[in-house]
Amino acid sequence: MCLVRSGWIYRGHKPYIAAMSDISFIKMHGLGNDFVIIDLRRQQFALDPALVRRIADRHRGVGGDMLITMAAPGDPRADIFMGIYNADGSEVDACGNANRCVARLMMEESGKPQCLIQTNAGLLQCRAAAGGLIAVDMGAPKFEWQDIPLEERMDTRGIDLKIGPIDSPVLAFPSAVNMGNPHCIFFVPDISAHDPARIGPLVENHLLFPERTNVGFAQIRSRSDIRLRVWERGVGVTQACGTAACAVVAAAARKGKNLADRKARVELDGGFLDIDWREADDHITMTGPAALSYRGTLAPELLAAP
């Protein structure tokens, strides 16, 4: 008897490998944040963290920031279930750019201008937008310390975290937001003065974040224009992060000085996302592109355990 648990395929209580040849995949990206997407509705495929790492390896595998699976949804209202695995093999609950990629595939498959995606973070409504873009309702941001989560109670508009000397820290009091995954955001006057590759790992693995965290570096250029760079938990520096773009707009609009409007354009390394934190229902809409790179087949030697 076979069953699926959280994206892994099991026989009894042990994961197994079935039909390990001719496993097809789709390579897509959202503003350079790239994914290997495997459709489990049409092929049996066993995953484990080591295999995810091999597939995501940019030198010996396909390469990608994440591996995404598509499977039959558990919720009858949804069109698809999307599983999300970082390049380091860890499973996570949300990825905004991957949402748009899977939404594009589902809308092309159905011929309809909308779809509903089930993730571990909840149900996400997606629709086609003008100019070939895709809009995703990312839900409402969470700000309570236990929802981030943090190790202890703090005001998430500016948590007690400092980088550098105690008397003159380089970075201090970042905002924390949960957008289906945790985000820690430093607002800085000059984004070029900070290296996400150096600072990101220190913050990601700080004891304050029991589930680790994504780390953003944001420069407010105007009330509706934000520059953002991101160190992504379990991945590294990414060209774009959709949940981080949502988080930075919510955090900026929420701060006491009201740094930004609830509707803003966010420029990431890979391009722009339009973010709208709606007052009517507190949900955030993220709008941006989803691009197809190529389709391929995983080689048996890549799939076989070393």
Protein backbone atom coordinates (compact mmCIF):
# COMPACT_ATOMS: atom_id res chain seq x y z
CA MET A 1 0.00 0.00 0.00
CA CYS A 2 1.34 3.42 -0.95
CA LEU A 3 0.49 6.76 0.56
CA VAL A 4 1.73 10.34 0.48
CA ARG A 5 2.68 12.24 3.62
CA SER A 6 3.67 15.89 3.29
CA GLY A 7 5.01 15.35 -0.20
CA TRP A 8 7.00 12.16 0.48
CA ILE A 9 5.88 8.79 -0.94
CA TYR A 10 5.80 5.88 1.51
CA ARG A 11 5.27 2.11 1.36
CA GLY A 12 4.28 1.10 4.87
CA HIS A 13 6.40 3.40 7.03
CA LYS A 14 9.49 3.64 4.83
CA PRO A 15 10.05 5.92 1.81
CA TYR A 16 10.71 4.01 -1.38
CA ILE A 17 11.92 4.74 -4.89
CA ALA A 18 9.68 3.70 -7.75
CA ALA A 19 10.08 4.10 -11.51
CA MET A 20 13.36 5.95 -11.19
CA SER A 21 13.75 6.51 -14.91
CA ASP A 22 12.04 8.99 -17.15
CA ILE A 23 11.03 11.29 -14.29
CA SER A 24 10.02 14.51 -16.01
CA PHE A 25 10.42 17.99 -14.58
CA ILE A 26 9.79 21.61 -15.52
CA LYS A 27 12.32 24.37 -14.85
CA MET A 28 10.69 27.74 -14.12
CA HIS A 29 11.56 30.98 -12.39
CA GLY A 30 9.97 34.10 -10.97
CA LEU A 31 12.37 37.03 -11.45
CA GLY A 32 15.33 34.64 -11.35
CA ASN A 33 14.16 32.78 -8.23
CA ASP A 34 14.29 29.37 -9.92
CA PHE A 35 12.58 26.04 -9.33
CA VAL A 36 12.64 22.43 -10.41
CA ILE A 37 8.96 21.44 -10.57
CA ILE A 38 7.88 17.79 -10.52
CA ASP A 39 4.27 16.78 -11.14
CA LEU A 40 3.44 13.84 -8.86
CA ARG A 41 -0.06 13.41 -10.27
CA ARG A 42 1.26 11.52 -13.28
CA GLN A 43 4.38 9.78 -12.00
CA GLN A 44 5.49 8.11 -8.79
CA PHE A 45 8.58 9.66 -7.33
CA ALA A 46 10.13 9.31 -3.90
CA LEU A 47 11.89 12.27 -2.33
CA ASP A 48 14.21 12.63 0.61
CA PRO A 49 16.39 15.58 1.67
CA ALA A 50 19.55 14.13 0.10
CA LEU A 51 17.84 13.67 -3.26
CA VAL A 52 16.44 17.20 -3.14
CA ARG A 53 19.96 18.50 -2.56
CA ARG A 54 21.32 16.49 -5.52
CA ILE A 55 18.63 17.75 -7.89
CA ALA A 56 19.04 21.37 -6.72
CA ASP A 57 22.85 21.27 -7.02
CA ARG A 58 23.85 23.79 -9.70
CA HIS A 59 27.02 21.91 -10.65
CA ARG A 60 25.96 18.24 -10.58
CA GLY A 61 22.17 18.40 -10.75
CA VAL A 62 19.51 20.46 -12.50
CA GLY A 63 20.06 23.42 -10.21
CA GLY A 64 17.53 25.62 -8.45
CA ASP A 65 16.71 27.59 -5.35
CA MET A 66 13.93 25.13 -4.57
CA LEU A 67 12.30 21.90 -5.64
CA ILE A 68 8.52 22.14 -6.03
CA THR A 69 6.07 19.24 -6.22
CA MET A 70 2.55 19.27 -7.62
CA ALA A 71 0.12 16.71 -6.22
CA ALA A 72 -3.59 16.03 -5.87
CA PRO A 73 -4.96 18.37 -3.19
CA GLY A 74 -6.34 17.19 0.10
CA ASP A 75 -8.83 20.06 0.15
CA PRO A 76 -11.61 19.51 -2.43
CA ARG A 77 -11.81 23.25 -3.09
CA ALA A 78 -8.22 23.39 -4.35
CA ASP A 79 -6.97 22.63 -7.87
CA ILE A 80 -3.52 21.44 -6.79
CA PHE A 81 -1.30 20.89 -3.76
CA MET A 82 2.14 22.51 -3.92
CA GLY A 83 5.00 21.03 -1.88
CA ILE A 84 8.04 23.26 -1.29
CA TYR A 85 11.60 22.11 -0.55
CA ASN A 86 14.62 24.37 -0.14
CA ALA A 87 17.87 23.59 -1.91
CA ASP A 88 19.27 22.29 1.39
CA GLY A 89 16.53 19.62 1.49
CA SER A 90 14.35 21.21 4.17
CA GLU A 91 10.60 21.44 3.65
CA VAL A 92 8.94 24.87 4.03
CA ASP A 93 5.39 26.14 3.91
CA ALA A 94 5.37 29.11 1.52
CA CYS A 95 7.05 30.51 -1.60
CA GLY A 96 5.47 33.44 -3.43
CA ASN A 97 7.41 33.14 -6.68
CA ALA A 98 6.74 29.39 -6.90
CA ASN A 99 3.03 30.09 -6.36
CA ARG A 100 2.99 32.14 -9.55
CA CYS A 101 4.85 29.45 -11.51
CA VAL A 102 2.49 26.68 -10.43
CA ALA A 103 -0.49 28.96 -11.02
CA ARG A 104 0.67 29.55 -14.60
CA LEU A 105 0.92 25.80 -15.19
CA MET A 106 -2.51 25.15 -13.72
CA MET A 107 -4.19 27.96 -15.66
CA GLU A 108 -2.60 26.77 -18.92
CA GLU A 109 -3.77 23.24 -18.13
CA SER A 110 -7.37 24.22 -17.35
CA GLY A 111 -7.75 27.14 -19.75
CA LYS A 112 -9.22 29.19 -16.91
CA PRO A 113 -7.94 32.60 -15.73
CA GLN A 114 -7.76 31.55 -12.09
CA CYS A 115 -6.83 28.65 -9.81
CA LEU A 116 -6.68 27.76 -6.13
CA ILE A 117 -3.42 26.35 -4.76
CA GLN A 118 -3.21 24.42 -1.50
CA THR A 119 0.03 24.75 0.47
CA ASN A 120 1.03 23.91 4.01
CA ALA A 121 0.45 27.61 4.74
CA GLY A 122 -3.15 27.50 3.46
CA LEU A 123 -5.19 28.06 0.30
CA LEU A 124 -3.95 30.72 -2.13
CA GLN A 125 -6.20 32.23 -4.79
CA CYS A 126 -4.34 33.03 -8.04
CA ARG A 127 -5.51 34.84 -11.17
CA ALA A 128 -4.19 36.05 -14.48
CA ALA A 129 -3.33 39.78 -14.49
CA ALA A 130 -2.62 42.32 -17.21
CA GLY A 131 0.53 42.01 -19.30
CA GLY A 132 0.89 38.27 -18.79
CA LEU A 133 1.52 38.67 -15.05
CA ILE A 134 0.01 36.56 -12.28
CA ALA A 135 -1.56 37.88 -9.07
CA VAL A 136 -1.64 35.79 -5.89
CA ASP A 137 -3.63 36.47 -2.74
CA MET A 138 -0.93 35.70 -0.17
CA GLY A 139 -3.23 36.00 2.83
CA ALA A 140 -2.80 38.24 5.86
CA PRO A 141 0.61 38.93 7.43
CA LYS A 142 1.17 37.81 11.02
CA PHE A 143 2.99 40.01 13.51
CA GLU A 144 2.64 38.34 16.90
CA TRP A 145 5.97 37.15 18.30
CA GLN A 146 4.75 33.56 18.68
CA ASP A 147 3.57 33.49 15.04
CA ILE A 148 6.97 34.43 13.57
CA PRO A 149 8.01 32.45 15.69
CA LEU A 150 10.48 34.11 18.08
CA GLU A 151 12.10 32.46 21.06
CA GLU A 152 10.73 35.14 23.41
CA ARG A 153 8.12 37.89 23.53
CA MET A 154 9.12 41.05 21.65
CA ASP A 155 7.60 43.97 19.76
CA THR A 156 7.98 42.71 16.18
CA ARG A 157 8.09 46.25 14.76
CA GLY A 158 11.68 46.31 16.04
CA ILE A 159 12.98 43.16 17.71
CA ASP A 160 15.99 43.21 20.05
CA LEU A 161 18.64 42.00 17.62
CA LYS A 162 21.89 43.80 16.82
CA ILE A 163 24.72 43.01 14.41
CA GLY A 164 28.16 44.41 15.19
CA PRO A 165 29.74 46.07 18.26
CA ILE A 166 27.36 46.54 21.20
CA ASP A 167 27.93 50.29 21.45
CA SER A 168 27.76 50.93 17.68
CA PRO A 169 25.96 48.09 15.86
CA VAL A 170 26.01 47.99 12.08
CA LEU A 171 22.40 46.79 12.00
CA ALA A 172 19.80 46.82 14.75
CA PHE A 173 16.13 46.36 15.63
CA PRO A 174 14.79 44.67 12.49
CA SER A 175 11.09 44.05 11.92
CA ALA A 176 9.68 40.52 11.97
CA VAL A 177 6.76 39.28 9.87
CA ASN A 178 5.33 35.88 9.04
CA MET A 179 4.00 35.48 5.48
CA GLY A 180 3.57 31.72 5.70
CA ASN A 181 7.28 31.67 6.55
CA PRO A 182 9.35 33.85 8.92
CA HIS A 183 11.02 37.09 7.80
CA CYS A 184 13.45 39.40 9.58
CA ILE A 185 13.85 42.76 7.80
CA PHE A 186 16.53 45.39 8.36
CA PHE A 187 15.63 48.86 7.07
CA VAL A 188 18.80 50.59 5.93
CA PRO A 189 19.62 53.97 4.31
CA ASP A 190 21.96 52.39 1.73
CA ILE A 191 21.35 48.79 0.70
CA SER A 192 24.73 48.58 -1.09
CA ALA A 193 26.53 48.99 2.24
CA HIS A 194 25.45 45.55 3.46
CA ASP A 195 26.36 42.06 2.24
CA PRO A 196 23.48 39.57 2.58
CA ALA A 197 25.87 36.65 2.02
CA ARG A 198 27.88 37.65 5.10
CA ILE A 199 25.12 38.79 7.44
CA GLY A 200 22.29 36.53 6.29
CA PRO A 201 23.60 33.22 7.72
CA LEU A 202 24.25 34.82 11.12
CA VAL A 203 20.68 36.06 11.40
CA GLU A 204 19.05 33.00 9.79
CA ASN A 205 20.52 30.73 12.44
CA HIS A 206 20.25 33.10 15.42
CA LEU A 207 18.83 31.49 18.56
CA LEU A 208 16.02 34.04 18.53
CA PHE A 209 14.48 32.17 15.56
CA PRO A 210 13.69 28.54 16.52
CA GLU A 211 12.63 27.74 12.94
CA ARG A 212 15.38 29.90 11.38
CA THR A 213 14.36 32.90 9.29
CA ASN A 214 14.60 34.63 5.93
CA VAL A 215 16.61 37.85 6.13
CA GLY A 216 15.79 41.02 4.16
CA PHE A 217 17.73 44.25 3.65
CA ALA A 218 15.39 47.06 2.58
CA GLN A 219 15.98 50.62 1.42
CA ILE A 220 12.91 52.88 1.29
CA ARG A 221 13.33 55.07 -1.79
CA SER A 222 9.85 56.57 -1.56
CA ARG A 223 6.54 55.67 0.05
CA SER A 224 5.71 53.43 -2.92
CA ASP A 225 9.20 52.32 -4.00
CA ILE A 226 11.34 49.87 -2.01
CA ARG A 227 14.66 48.23 -2.89
CA LEU A 228 15.07 44.79 -1.30
CA ARG A 229 17.76 42.12 -1.15
CA VAL A 230 17.11 38.75 0.47
CA TRP A 231 19.03 35.96 2.13
CA GLU A 232 16.59 33.03 1.91
CA ARG A 233 16.47 30.43 4.66
CA GLY A 234 17.92 27.15 3.42
CA VAL A 235 18.88 28.65 0.05
CA GLY A 236 21.17 31.69 0.31
CA VAL A 237 21.09 34.98 -1.59
CA THR A 238 18.23 34.84 -4.09
CA GLN A 239 17.35 36.92 -7.12
CA ALA A 240 13.85 37.39 -5.73
CA CYS A 241 11.59 36.31 -2.87
CA GLY A 242 7.86 36.88 -3.14
CA THR A 243 7.01 36.39 0.52
CA ALA A 244 9.86 38.77 1.48
CA ALA A 245 8.44 41.45 -0.84
CA CYS A 246 5.05 41.06 0.87
CA ALA A 247 6.68 41.13 4.31
CA VAL A 248 8.70 44.28 3.67
CA VAL A 249 5.68 46.31 2.55
CA ALA A 250 3.66 45.17 5.56
CA ALA A 251 6.53 45.87 7.96
CA ALA A 252 7.28 49.30 6.48
CA ALA A 253 3.64 50.40 6.51
CA ARG A 254 3.27 49.17 10.08
CA LYS A 255 6.28 50.95 11.60
CA GLY A 256 5.61 54.00 13.73
CA LYS A 257 7.12 56.41 11.22
CA ASN A 258 4.96 54.87 8.51
CA LEU A 259 7.85 54.43 6.09
CA ALA A 260 5.76 53.28 3.14
CA ASP A 261 2.23 53.05 1.77
CA ARG A 262 0.31 49.78 1.87
CA LYS A 263 0.70 49.59 -1.90
CA ALA A 264 4.24 49.66 -3.27
CA ARG A 265 6.56 48.38 -5.97
CA VAL A 266 9.44 46.30 -4.64
CA GLU A 267 12.64 46.00 -6.66
CA LEU A 268 14.60 42.81 -6.01
CA ASP A 269 17.84 41.72 -7.67
CA GLY A 270 15.84 39.92 -10.38
CA GLY A 271 13.18 42.56 -11.05
CA PHE A 272 9.96 44.06 -9.72
CA LEU A 273 6.93 42.83 -7.78
CA ASP A 274 3.82 44.89 -7.12
CA ILE A 275 2.51 44.48 -3.58
CA ASP A 276 -0.90 45.62 -2.31
CA TRP A 277 -1.74 45.19 1.38
CA ARG A 278 -5.49 45.58 1.18
CA GLU A 279 -7.25 47.40 4.00
CA ALA A 280 -10.59 45.71 3.31
CA ASP A 281 -9.53 42.22 4.41
CA ASP A 282 -5.88 42.67 5.51
CA HIS A 283 -4.72 40.30 2.76
CA ILE A 284 -1.71 41.00 0.55
CA THR A 285 -1.84 40.65 -3.23
CA MET A 286 1.48 39.99 -4.96
CA THR A 287 1.67 40.51 -8.74
CA GLY A 288 4.59 39.52 -10.95
CA PRO A 289 5.83 37.27 -13.78
CA ALA A 290 6.30 33.51 -14.02
CA ALA A 291 8.65 32.24 -16.74
CA LEU A 292 9.20 28.79 -18.24
CA SER A 293 12.87 27.94 -18.82
CA TYR A 294 12.72 24.36 -20.14
CA ARG A 295 11.34 20.85 -19.65
CA GLY A 296 13.51 17.82 -19.10
CA THR A 297 13.98 14.34 -17.66
CA LEU A 298 15.99 13.43 -14.56
CA ALA A 299 18.82 11.00 -15.32
CA PRO A 300 18.83 7.67 -13.41
CA GLU A 301 22.35 8.30 -12.07
CA LEU A 302 21.17 11.56 -10.50
CA LEU A 303 18.29 9.77 -8.82
CA ALA A 304 20.31 6.85 -7.52
CA ALA A 305 21.71 7.22 -4.01
CA PRO A 306 25.51 7.76 -3.99
